[in-house]
Amino acid sequence: MRSEKPKVLHAIANKPMLKHVYAMSKQIEDNTINIIYGHGGEQLQSACAELDANWVEQAQQLGTGHAVQQVIPFIGDQDIVLILYADVPLLKLATVLRLLELVNEKALALLTVNLNDPSGYGRIVRNEHAQVQKIVEEKDATLHEKLIQEVNTGILAVPGGPLKRWLNALDNNNAQGEYYLTDIIAMAVAEGVHIVTTQPEDEAEVMGVNNRMQLNYLERVYQARQAEYFMSQGVTLIDAKRFDVRGDIELLGQDIEIDINVILEGRIHIGNNVRIGANCIIKNAVIADDVEILPHCVIENATIGRGSRIGPFARLRPDTELADNVHIGNFVEIKKSTIATGSKVNHLSYIGDTTMGSRVNVGAGTITCNYDGVNKFKTIIKDGVFIGSNSQLVAPVTLAENATIGAGSTITKDTPANQLTLARSKQVSLANWQRPVKKEIK
C-alpha cells in the first residue's frame, strides 16, 4: 500500500476494511471474534479500540497456518472455527451463513471461486469424482494444476478439535518456507473428512486488497451495491455512478430524489418526498418529509423539519435543529441553534448559539456575535422578530416578540417587543472634502 498505516486500516466507504469484516462477523450468533495481528499492532488496536474482540499477536509472519496457530489456546474442541481475512472487506453475511451450514464433525466447509485468470491463487485439486483432495499454492503447482480455474479464497469453516490437531502437524517444507493453512485440506482428506465447497454470488465478495488500485476497485463495487439497494427501495438516483454512501442510511419514506455527487455519511434518516440537490454532503442528520435541499449544501449532526428548504450553498453545523417550514438560504451558516416554525434566514448570514422563535425574518448579512475569544454566549430571538440587513447581534442579547431591528444596526442590549430598534452611527456628509490623489513619482 506504500503507507505507514496498516493495510487493513485503509478504508472502504470511509470505514477501515477490518471494521467491515468485523461488522459482518458480529451478525453471526453465539460468536467470539479473535483478531490476529502482526506489524502495526498498536496502531491497529488504537484505531479499533471499540471492537469487542480478542486481540492475538503473530510476532513473526510465517504464513497463514502459523497465523491461525496463534489462536489454538482460544479454540474449544466443540467450536466451529470460521477463518476470515481483514483485507477481504466485501464478503456477504449470506455467503458466510451458507458456508457455516455445511460444516460438521465429518465435514470441512471451504469457500472457492472460479476465475478466468487464477494467477496467484491456490488451486483446488479434485479427483475423478469431483471430490476436493488438496489445495496447491501456485509456486508449488505443476503446469497441469496451474490450468485449474477453481481457486481457494482462504475462507473456511472447520471443527475446532480437528483444526487444532492439523495445525500442530503443519510443516514449512514448500517453495516459500511458510506454514500453509491450506495444507490442512489434504490432512482432512487423509482422515476421511469430507471437503464441501460453496461459492459467493460474485467474485468481488472474495477479492482481497494489496494495493491502492484494488482498494479503489472495491470502493466502487461497494458504492454500486449501495446505489442498487437505494433504487430497489424506491429512491431515484439521477446517476447511480455519482453517488456515495459512507454510513448507515435509514430510508423512512417514498419518492426520494438524489442528484449527482451527493455523499451520505454516518447515520441518516430520510422522510417522504425529499429532494437532495447536486454536490451535497450530509452526515448524521434527520430529514423530515417534503424537505428540499438545494445544491452545494453541507449538513452535519442536524435535524431538518418538515417542508423546510435549505440552500443552495448553505451549511448546517452540529446541533442545528430546524422546525417545520424553515428556510435557510444561500451562503448561510447555522451552528448549535434551534429555529422554530416558519422562520427564514435566506442570505449571507451566520446564526450561532441561538434560540430563534417562529415567523422570524433574518435579513441578508446578519450575524450573531456569539464568541468573545474565550466564551460562547447565547442569542434569543422571540417570535415574529424582523431583523434588517447587515445587523450584528452581540450576545448575550434577547430580541423580544415582534421586535424590528433596523438595517445596519449593532445590537448590544435587549430590545423591547413591538418596537423598532436602531443602533447606527450618525451619517455625515462633508461638502469640501477632497478625494486623495496619487502623487506622481519623478
Protein backbone atom coordinates (compact mmCIF):
# COMPACT_ATOMS: atom_id res chain seq x y z
CA MET A 1 0.00 0.00 0.00
CA ARG A 2 3.08 2.27 0.35
CA SER A 3 1.71 3.62 3.61
CA GLU A 4 2.69 3.98 7.26
CA LYS A 5 -0.82 2.76 8.10
CA PRO A 6 -1.52 -0.99 8.44
CA LYS A 7 -3.23 -2.25 5.30
CA VAL A 8 -6.48 -3.24 6.98
CA LEU A 9 -6.97 0.31 8.30
CA HIS A 10 -7.31 1.59 4.75
CA ALA A 11 -10.96 2.39 4.20
CA ILE A 12 -13.86 1.35 2.03
CA ALA A 13 -16.69 3.91 2.30
CA ASN A 14 -14.73 5.75 4.99
CA LYS A 15 -14.62 2.66 7.23
CA PRO A 16 -11.45 0.57 7.71
CA MET A 17 -11.53 -2.79 5.93
CA LEU A 18 -11.11 -4.57 9.27
CA LYS A 19 -14.30 -2.94 10.56
CA HIS A 20 -16.25 -4.13 7.51
CA VAL A 21 -15.26 -7.73 8.23
CA TYR A 22 -15.87 -7.27 11.96
CA ALA A 23 -19.36 -5.78 11.41
CA MET A 24 -20.36 -8.71 9.23
CA SER A 25 -18.94 -11.20 11.74
CA LYS A 26 -20.84 -9.65 14.65
CA GLN A 27 -24.10 -10.61 12.96
CA ILE A 28 -23.33 -14.31 13.48
CA GLU A 29 -24.99 -15.64 16.64
CA ASP A 30 -23.01 -17.11 19.58
CA ASN A 31 -19.82 -15.74 18.15
CA THR A 32 -16.43 -14.90 19.67
CA ILE A 33 -14.07 -12.91 17.46
CA ASN A 34 -10.29 -13.31 17.55
CA ILE A 35 -8.23 -10.77 15.59
CA ILE A 36 -4.74 -11.96 14.68
CA TYR A 37 -2.38 -9.08 14.03
CA GLY A 38 1.27 -8.60 13.11
CA HIS A 39 3.05 -5.39 12.14
CA GLY A 40 1.49 -2.14 13.35
CA GLY A 41 -0.44 -3.83 16.13
CA GLU A 42 -0.53 -0.82 18.45
CA GLN A 43 -1.82 1.44 15.68
CA LEU A 44 -4.39 -1.16 14.71
CA GLN A 45 -5.72 -1.64 18.23
CA SER A 46 -5.80 2.10 18.87
CA ALA A 47 -7.87 2.75 15.74
CA CYS A 48 -10.23 -0.14 16.52
CA ALA A 49 -10.34 0.04 20.30
CA GLU A 50 -14.15 -0.19 20.37
CA LEU A 51 -14.21 -3.64 18.78
CA ASP A 52 -15.37 -6.46 21.05
CA ALA A 53 -12.65 -8.93 20.15
CA ASN A 54 -9.72 -10.92 21.49
CA TRP A 55 -6.51 -9.48 20.03
CA VAL A 56 -3.85 -12.11 19.34
CA GLU A 57 -0.34 -11.21 18.20
CA GLN A 58 1.53 -13.05 15.47
CA ALA A 59 5.03 -11.86 16.33
CA GLN A 60 6.59 -13.48 13.26
CA GLN A 61 4.81 -13.68 9.91
CA LEU A 62 5.44 -17.29 8.91
CA GLY A 63 2.35 -17.94 6.83
CA THR A 64 -1.41 -18.32 7.16
CA GLY A 65 -1.15 -21.60 9.05
CA HIS A 66 1.22 -20.02 11.54
CA ALA A 67 -1.21 -17.12 11.99
CA VAL A 68 -4.09 -19.43 12.91
CA GLN A 69 -1.79 -21.43 15.21
CA GLN A 70 -1.67 -18.35 17.45
CA VAL A 71 -5.32 -18.82 18.46
CA ILE A 72 -5.10 -22.53 19.33
CA PRO A 73 -5.34 -21.66 23.09
CA PHE A 74 -8.67 -19.92 22.44
CA ILE A 75 -10.30 -22.69 20.38
CA GLY A 76 -12.52 -25.29 22.03
CA ASP A 77 -12.81 -28.82 20.63
CA GLN A 78 -16.54 -28.35 20.09
CA ASP A 79 -16.22 -24.96 18.46
CA ILE A 80 -16.83 -24.28 14.80
CA VAL A 81 -13.99 -22.04 13.64
CA LEU A 82 -14.63 -19.58 10.80
CA ILE A 83 -11.48 -18.13 9.26
CA LEU A 84 -11.81 -14.75 7.54
CA TYR A 85 -9.41 -12.09 6.27
CA ALA A 86 -9.47 -8.43 7.23
CA ASP A 87 -8.31 -7.35 3.77
CA VAL A 88 -11.31 -9.07 2.13
CA PRO A 89 -13.91 -6.45 3.10
CA LEU A 90 -16.96 -7.15 0.92
CA LEU A 91 -17.83 -10.71 1.92
CA LYS A 92 -21.59 -11.01 2.47
CA LEU A 93 -23.23 -12.47 5.56
CA ALA A 94 -25.42 -14.75 3.41
CA THR A 95 -22.30 -16.36 1.92
CA VAL A 96 -20.81 -16.96 5.36
CA LEU A 97 -24.02 -18.43 6.76
CA ARG A 98 -24.24 -20.76 3.77
CA LEU A 99 -20.67 -21.89 4.48
CA LEU A 100 -21.43 -22.49 8.16
CA GLU A 101 -24.44 -24.66 7.29
CA LEU A 102 -22.11 -27.11 5.53
CA VAL A 103 -19.65 -27.80 8.34
CA ASN A 104 -19.99 -30.62 10.89
CA GLU A 105 -17.84 -33.21 12.68
CA LYS A 106 -17.25 -35.08 9.41
CA ALA A 107 -17.13 -32.13 7.01
CA LEU A 108 -14.90 -29.12 6.48
CA ALA A 109 -16.50 -26.26 4.53
CA LEU A 110 -14.41 -24.33 2.03
CA LEU A 111 -15.27 -21.19 0.04
CA THR A 112 -13.95 -21.33 -3.52
CA VAL A 113 -14.38 -19.22 -6.62
CA ASN A 114 -13.83 -19.76 -10.35
CA LEU A 115 -11.62 -17.15 -12.01
CA ASN A 116 -10.87 -16.59 -15.67
CA ASP A 117 -7.35 -15.67 -14.58
CA PRO A 118 -6.44 -17.71 -11.49
CA SER A 119 -2.84 -16.44 -11.36
CA GLY A 120 -1.51 -16.06 -7.84
CA TYR A 121 -4.17 -18.19 -6.15
CA GLY A 122 -4.01 -21.66 -4.68
CA ARG A 123 -5.73 -24.18 -6.96
CA ILE A 124 -8.47 -26.57 -5.83
CA VAL A 125 -7.41 -30.07 -6.87
CA ARG A 126 -10.28 -32.57 -7.22
CA ASN A 127 -10.30 -36.28 -8.08
CA GLU A 128 -12.25 -38.01 -10.85
CA HIS A 129 -15.35 -37.91 -8.61
CA ALA A 130 -15.05 -34.10 -8.22
CA GLN A 131 -14.07 -34.52 -4.58
CA VAL A 132 -11.58 -32.00 -3.19
CA GLN A 133 -8.24 -33.64 -2.48
CA LYS A 134 -5.95 -30.73 -1.68
CA ILE A 135 -5.08 -27.11 -2.35
CA VAL A 136 -1.85 -26.38 -4.20
CA GLU A 137 -0.26 -22.94 -3.94
CA GLU A 138 0.77 -21.54 -7.31
CA LYS A 139 4.51 -21.63 -6.57
CA ASP A 140 4.21 -25.34 -5.81
CA ALA A 141 1.75 -26.20 -8.62
CA THR A 142 2.55 -28.29 -11.70
CA LEU A 143 1.80 -26.91 -15.18
CA HIS A 144 -1.39 -29.01 -15.28
CA GLU A 145 -2.52 -27.76 -11.86
CA LYS A 146 -1.94 -24.16 -12.89
CA LEU A 147 -4.65 -24.60 -15.56
CA ILE A 148 -7.28 -25.16 -12.86
CA GLN A 149 -9.63 -22.16 -12.62
CA GLU A 150 -11.27 -23.02 -9.30
CA VAL A 151 -9.22 -21.36 -6.59
CA ASN A 152 -9.04 -21.09 -2.84
CA THR A 153 -10.36 -17.91 -1.22
CA GLY A 154 -8.75 -18.81 2.12
CA ILE A 155 -12.13 -18.63 3.82
CA LEU A 156 -13.22 -21.82 5.54
CA ALA A 157 -15.21 -23.23 8.44
CA VAL A 158 -13.84 -26.20 10.36
CA PRO A 159 -14.49 -28.12 13.62
CA GLY A 160 -12.25 -26.92 16.45
CA GLY A 161 -10.82 -30.24 17.65
CA PRO A 162 -9.55 -31.49 14.27
CA LEU A 163 -8.35 -27.99 13.35
CA LYS A 164 -6.04 -27.84 16.37
CA ARG A 165 -4.65 -31.29 15.54
CA TRP A 166 -4.00 -30.36 11.92
CA LEU A 167 -2.45 -27.00 12.82
CA ASN A 168 0.03 -28.71 15.13
CA ALA A 169 1.02 -31.06 12.29
CA LEU A 170 1.86 -28.33 9.76
CA ASP A 171 5.38 -28.01 8.35
CA ASN A 172 7.04 -25.45 6.11
CA ASN A 173 8.51 -27.78 3.53
CA ASN A 174 7.42 -25.76 0.49
CA ALA A 175 8.68 -23.19 -2.00
CA GLN A 176 8.01 -20.24 0.33
CA GLY A 177 9.18 -21.85 3.55
CA GLU A 178 5.87 -20.98 5.21
CA TYR A 179 3.25 -22.84 7.21
CA TYR A 180 0.31 -23.03 4.82
CA LEU A 181 -3.18 -23.17 6.27
CA THR A 182 -4.22 -24.82 3.00
CA ASP A 183 -2.24 -27.95 3.92
CA ILE A 184 -4.96 -28.91 6.41
CA ILE A 185 -7.19 -29.83 3.46
CA ALA A 186 -5.02 -32.78 2.47
CA MET A 187 -4.79 -33.79 6.15
CA ALA A 188 -8.58 -33.76 6.42
CA VAL A 189 -8.94 -35.86 3.27
CA ALA A 190 -6.41 -38.36 4.63
CA GLU A 191 -8.58 -38.77 7.74
CA GLY A 192 -11.73 -39.31 5.67
CA VAL A 193 -13.19 -35.87 6.39
CA HIS A 194 -15.38 -34.67 3.54
CA ILE A 195 -14.45 -31.32 1.98
CA VAL A 196 -17.61 -29.46 0.96
CA THR A 197 -17.48 -26.25 -1.02
CA THR A 198 -19.68 -23.30 -1.83
CA GLN A 199 -19.11 -20.14 -3.83
CA PRO A 200 -20.01 -16.46 -3.39
CA GLU A 201 -22.61 -14.71 -5.51
CA ASP A 202 -19.94 -12.63 -7.20
CA GLU A 203 -16.18 -12.53 -7.41
CA ALA A 204 -15.89 -9.14 -5.66
CA GLU A 205 -17.01 -10.72 -2.37
CA VAL A 206 -13.73 -12.59 -2.04
CA MET A 207 -11.36 -10.10 -3.60
CA GLY A 208 -8.53 -9.01 -1.33
CA VAL A 209 -6.71 -5.68 -1.26
CA ASN A 210 -2.98 -5.41 -1.73
CA ASN A 211 -2.66 -2.01 -3.42
CA ARG A 212 -4.48 1.25 -3.99
CA MET A 213 -5.92 0.16 -7.33
CA GLN A 214 -7.66 -2.84 -5.74
CA LEU A 215 -8.86 -0.63 -2.88
CA ASN A 216 -10.38 1.79 -5.37
CA TYR A 217 -12.00 -1.03 -7.34
CA LEU A 218 -13.72 -2.43 -4.24
CA GLU A 219 -14.81 1.07 -3.22
CA ARG A 220 -16.71 1.35 -6.49
CA VAL A 221 -18.15 -2.15 -6.09
CA TYR A 222 -19.36 -1.22 -2.61
CA GLN A 223 -20.91 2.02 -3.82
CA ALA A 224 -22.61 0.24 -6.73
CA ARG A 225 -24.17 -2.17 -4.22
CA GLN A 226 -25.42 0.74 -2.11
CA ALA A 227 -26.88 2.51 -5.12
CA GLU A 228 -28.63 -0.66 -6.23
CA TYR A 229 -30.12 -1.09 -2.76
CA PHE A 230 -31.32 2.53 -2.66
CA MET A 231 -33.01 2.23 -6.04
CA SER A 232 -34.62 -1.07 -5.01
CA GLN A 233 -36.19 0.85 -2.11
CA GLY A 234 -37.71 3.39 -4.49
CA VAL A 235 -35.09 6.13 -4.40
CA THR A 236 -34.42 7.97 -7.65
CA LEU A 237 -30.70 8.44 -8.24
CA ILE A 238 -30.02 10.80 -11.12
CA ASP A 239 -26.73 8.98 -11.75
CA ALA A 240 -26.02 5.86 -9.68
CA LYS A 241 -22.31 6.06 -10.52
CA ARG A 242 -22.01 9.51 -8.96
CA PHE A 243 -23.39 8.77 -5.51
CA ASP A 244 -21.55 7.67 -2.36
CA VAL A 245 -22.79 6.20 0.91
CA ARG A 246 -20.44 6.14 3.90
CA GLY A 247 -22.65 5.06 6.76
CA ASP A 248 -25.98 3.63 7.86
CA ILE A 249 -28.81 5.23 5.94
CA GLU A 250 -32.39 4.62 7.03
CA LEU A 251 -34.91 5.33 4.32
CA LEU A 252 -38.19 6.12 6.04
CA GLY A 253 -40.14 7.45 3.11
CA GLN A 254 -41.02 7.20 -0.55
CA ASP A 255 -40.29 9.38 -3.57
CA ILE A 256 -36.82 10.45 -2.51
CA GLU A 257 -34.73 12.02 -5.29
CA ILE A 258 -30.96 12.41 -5.06
CA ASP A 259 -28.94 14.30 -7.65
CA ILE A 260 -25.31 13.71 -8.64
CA ASN A 261 -22.22 13.78 -6.42
CA VAL A 262 -24.12 13.52 -3.15
CA ILE A 263 -22.27 11.98 -0.19
CA LEU A 264 -24.32 10.49 2.66
CA GLU A 265 -22.26 9.69 5.73
CA GLY A 266 -22.92 8.34 9.22
CA ARG A 267 -26.49 7.76 10.44
CA ILE A 268 -29.14 9.49 8.34
CA HIS A 269 -32.95 9.26 8.40
CA ILE A 270 -34.77 10.46 5.28
CA GLY A 271 -38.53 11.02 5.05
CA ASN A 272 -41.06 11.17 2.21
CA ASN A 273 -40.74 13.40 -0.85
CA VAL A 274 -37.24 14.59 -0.02
CA ARG A 275 -35.14 16.12 -2.79
CA ILE A 276 -31.38 16.47 -2.41
CA GLY A 277 -29.57 18.60 -4.98
CA ALA A 278 -26.19 18.03 -6.58
CA ASN A 279 -22.90 18.14 -4.68
CA CYS A 280 -24.33 17.96 -1.14
CA ILE A 281 -22.54 16.35 1.81
CA ILE A 282 -24.85 15.15 4.57
CA LYS A 283 -23.59 13.48 7.77
CA ASN A 284 -25.59 12.28 10.78
CA ALA A 285 -28.86 14.04 10.01
CA VAL A 286 -32.60 13.60 10.40
CA ILE A 287 -34.52 14.90 7.38
CA ALA A 288 -38.31 15.02 7.65
CA ASP A 289 -40.92 14.81 4.88
CA ASP A 290 -41.12 17.27 1.98
CA VAL A 291 -37.70 18.79 2.57
CA GLU A 292 -35.77 20.26 -0.34
CA ILE A 293 -32.01 20.56 -0.05
CA LEU A 294 -30.66 22.63 -2.90
CA PRO A 295 -27.19 22.08 -4.44
CA HIS A 296 -23.85 22.53 -2.68
CA CYS A 297 -25.00 22.23 0.95
CA VAL A 298 -23.01 20.75 3.83
CA ILE A 299 -25.10 19.35 6.70
CA GLU A 300 -23.71 17.67 9.82
CA ASN A 301 -25.41 16.49 13.02
CA ALA A 302 -28.55 18.44 12.22
CA THR A 303 -32.32 17.94 12.27
CA ILE A 304 -34.45 19.41 9.49
CA GLY A 305 -38.21 19.75 9.97
CA ARG A 306 -40.97 19.02 7.50
CA GLY A 307 -41.35 21.25 4.47
CA SER A 308 -38.09 23.09 5.06
CA ARG A 309 -35.86 24.36 2.28
CA ILE A 310 -32.07 24.51 2.58
CA GLY A 311 -29.58 26.20 0.29
CA PRO A 312 -28.06 26.47 -2.16
CA PHE A 313 -24.59 26.81 -0.61
CA ALA A 314 -25.82 26.53 2.98
CA ARG A 315 -24.03 24.95 5.91
CA LEU A 316 -25.78 23.40 8.90
CA ARG A 317 -23.23 22.66 11.60
CA PRO A 318 -23.63 20.31 14.60
CA ASP A 319 -26.59 20.76 16.98
CA THR A 320 -28.71 22.63 14.47
CA GLU A 321 -32.43 21.91 14.88
CA LEU A 322 -34.88 23.30 12.36
CA ALA A 323 -38.64 23.04 12.90
CA ASP A 324 -41.18 22.76 10.07
CA ASN A 325 -41.18 25.12 7.08
CA VAL A 326 -37.88 26.81 7.89
CA HIS A 327 -35.92 28.42 5.04
CA ILE A 328 -32.14 28.52 5.18
CA GLY A 329 -30.78 30.21 2.08
CA ASN A 330 -27.61 30.71 0.12
CA PHE A 331 -24.33 31.27 1.98
CA VAL A 332 -25.98 30.91 5.38
CA GLU A 333 -24.28 29.08 8.24
CA ILE A 334 -26.19 27.80 11.27
CA LYS A 335 -24.42 26.34 14.30
CA LYS A 336 -25.76 24.99 17.62
CA SER A 337 -29.10 26.74 17.18
CA THR A 338 -32.80 25.95 17.19
CA ILE A 339 -35.09 27.68 14.72
CA ALA A 340 -38.84 27.43 15.14
CA THR A 341 -41.61 27.01 12.56
CA GLY A 342 -41.78 29.30 9.58
CA SER A 343 -38.65 31.33 10.22
CA LYS A 344 -36.32 32.41 7.39
CA VAL A 345 -32.60 33.08 7.18
CA ASN A 346 -32.23 33.45 3.45
CA HIS A 347 -29.00 35.27 2.62
CA LEU A 348 -25.36 35.59 3.68
CA SER A 349 -25.85 35.19 7.42
CA TYR A 350 -24.31 33.43 10.43
CA ILE A 351 -26.51 32.23 13.28
CA GLY A 352 -24.70 30.56 16.18
CA ASP A 353 -25.67 29.59 19.75
CA THR A 354 -29.15 30.96 19.13
CA THR A 355 -32.72 30.12 20.08
CA MET A 356 -34.97 31.55 17.39
CA GLY A 357 -38.76 31.63 17.57
CA SER A 358 -41.33 31.21 14.83
CA ARG A 359 -42.06 33.59 11.92
CA VAL A 360 -38.71 35.35 12.29
CA ASN A 361 -37.20 37.01 9.22
CA VAL A 362 -33.44 37.49 9.25
CA GLY A 363 -32.12 39.97 6.68
CA ALA A 364 -29.08 39.46 4.49
CA GLY A 365 -25.68 39.84 6.13
CA THR A 366 -26.93 39.41 9.71
CA ILE A 367 -24.57 37.74 12.17
CA THR A 368 -24.77 36.70 15.80
CA CYS A 369 -21.59 37.74 17.60
CA ASN A 370 -21.53 34.79 19.99
CA TYR A 371 -17.84 34.42 20.82
CA ASP A 372 -15.55 36.84 22.66
CA GLY A 373 -12.41 34.84 22.05
CA VAL A 374 -12.83 32.76 25.22
CA ASN A 375 -16.51 32.11 25.93
CA LYS A 376 -19.65 31.48 23.89
CA PHE A 377 -22.83 33.47 24.59
CA LYS A 378 -26.49 32.95 23.76
CA THR A 379 -28.75 34.97 21.47
CA ILE A 380 -32.52 34.67 21.96
CA ILE A 381 -34.82 35.83 19.18
CA LYS A 382 -38.51 35.62 20.07
CA ASP A 383 -41.48 35.01 17.74
CA GLY A 384 -42.22 37.42 14.93
CA VAL A 385 -38.95 39.37 15.02
CA PHE A 386 -37.85 41.15 11.83
CA ILE A 387 -34.12 41.80 11.52
CA GLY A 388 -32.95 44.23 8.86
CA SER A 389 -29.98 43.50 6.64
CA ASN A 390 -26.38 43.83 7.80
CA SER A 391 -27.20 43.69 11.52
CA GLN A 392 -24.92 42.43 14.27
CA LEU A 393 -26.42 40.86 17.38
CA VAL A 394 -23.82 40.93 20.14
CA ALA A 395 -24.59 38.15 22.60
CA PRO A 396 -25.80 37.71 25.24
CA VAL A 397 -28.86 39.50 23.95
CA THR A 398 -32.63 38.95 23.65
CA LEU A 399 -34.90 40.34 20.96
CA ALA A 400 -38.45 40.37 22.31
CA GLU A 401 -41.63 39.37 20.42
CA ASN A 402 -42.34 41.19 17.17
CA ALA A 403 -39.33 43.49 17.58
CA THR A 404 -37.99 45.12 14.41
CA ILE A 405 -34.27 45.77 14.04
CA GLY A 406 -33.33 48.48 11.56
CA ALA A 407 -30.85 47.57 8.85
CA GLY A 408 -27.20 48.13 9.70
CA SER A 409 -27.74 48.03 13.48
CA THR A 410 -25.32 46.70 16.05
CA ILE A 411 -27.49 45.43 18.90
CA THR A 412 -25.75 45.11 22.27
CA LYS A 413 -28.75 45.36 24.62
CA ASP A 414 -32.09 43.54 24.86
CA THR A 415 -34.75 45.05 22.60
CA PRO A 416 -38.41 45.64 23.59
CA ALA A 417 -41.38 43.89 21.99
CA ASN A 418 -43.34 45.51 19.15
CA GLN A 419 -40.88 48.37 18.68
CA LEU A 420 -38.33 49.46 16.08
CA THR A 421 -34.79 49.48 17.43
CA LEU A 422 -31.97 51.25 15.59
CA ALA A 423 -28.31 51.35 16.52
CA ARG A 424 -26.42 53.30 13.85
CA SER A 425 -23.71 55.92 13.87
CA LYS A 426 -24.78 59.37 12.63
CA GLN A 427 -24.43 59.87 8.87
CA VAL A 428 -22.29 62.88 7.93
CA SER A 429 -21.52 64.43 4.51
CA LEU A 430 -18.51 66.77 4.12
CA ALA A 431 -19.06 69.28 1.32
CA ASN A 432 -15.44 70.44 0.87
CA TRP A 433 -13.80 67.04 1.22
CA GLN A 434 -11.23 66.17 -1.44
CA ARG A 435 -10.58 62.61 -2.52
CA PRO A 436 -6.89 61.68 -2.18
CA VAL A 437 -4.88 61.66 -5.38
CA LYS A 438 -1.74 59.68 -6.01
CA LYS A 439 1.40 61.80 -6.23
CA GLU A 440 3.47 61.37 -9.32
CA ILE A 441 6.91 59.95 -8.69
CA LYS A 442 9.57 61.78 -10.65
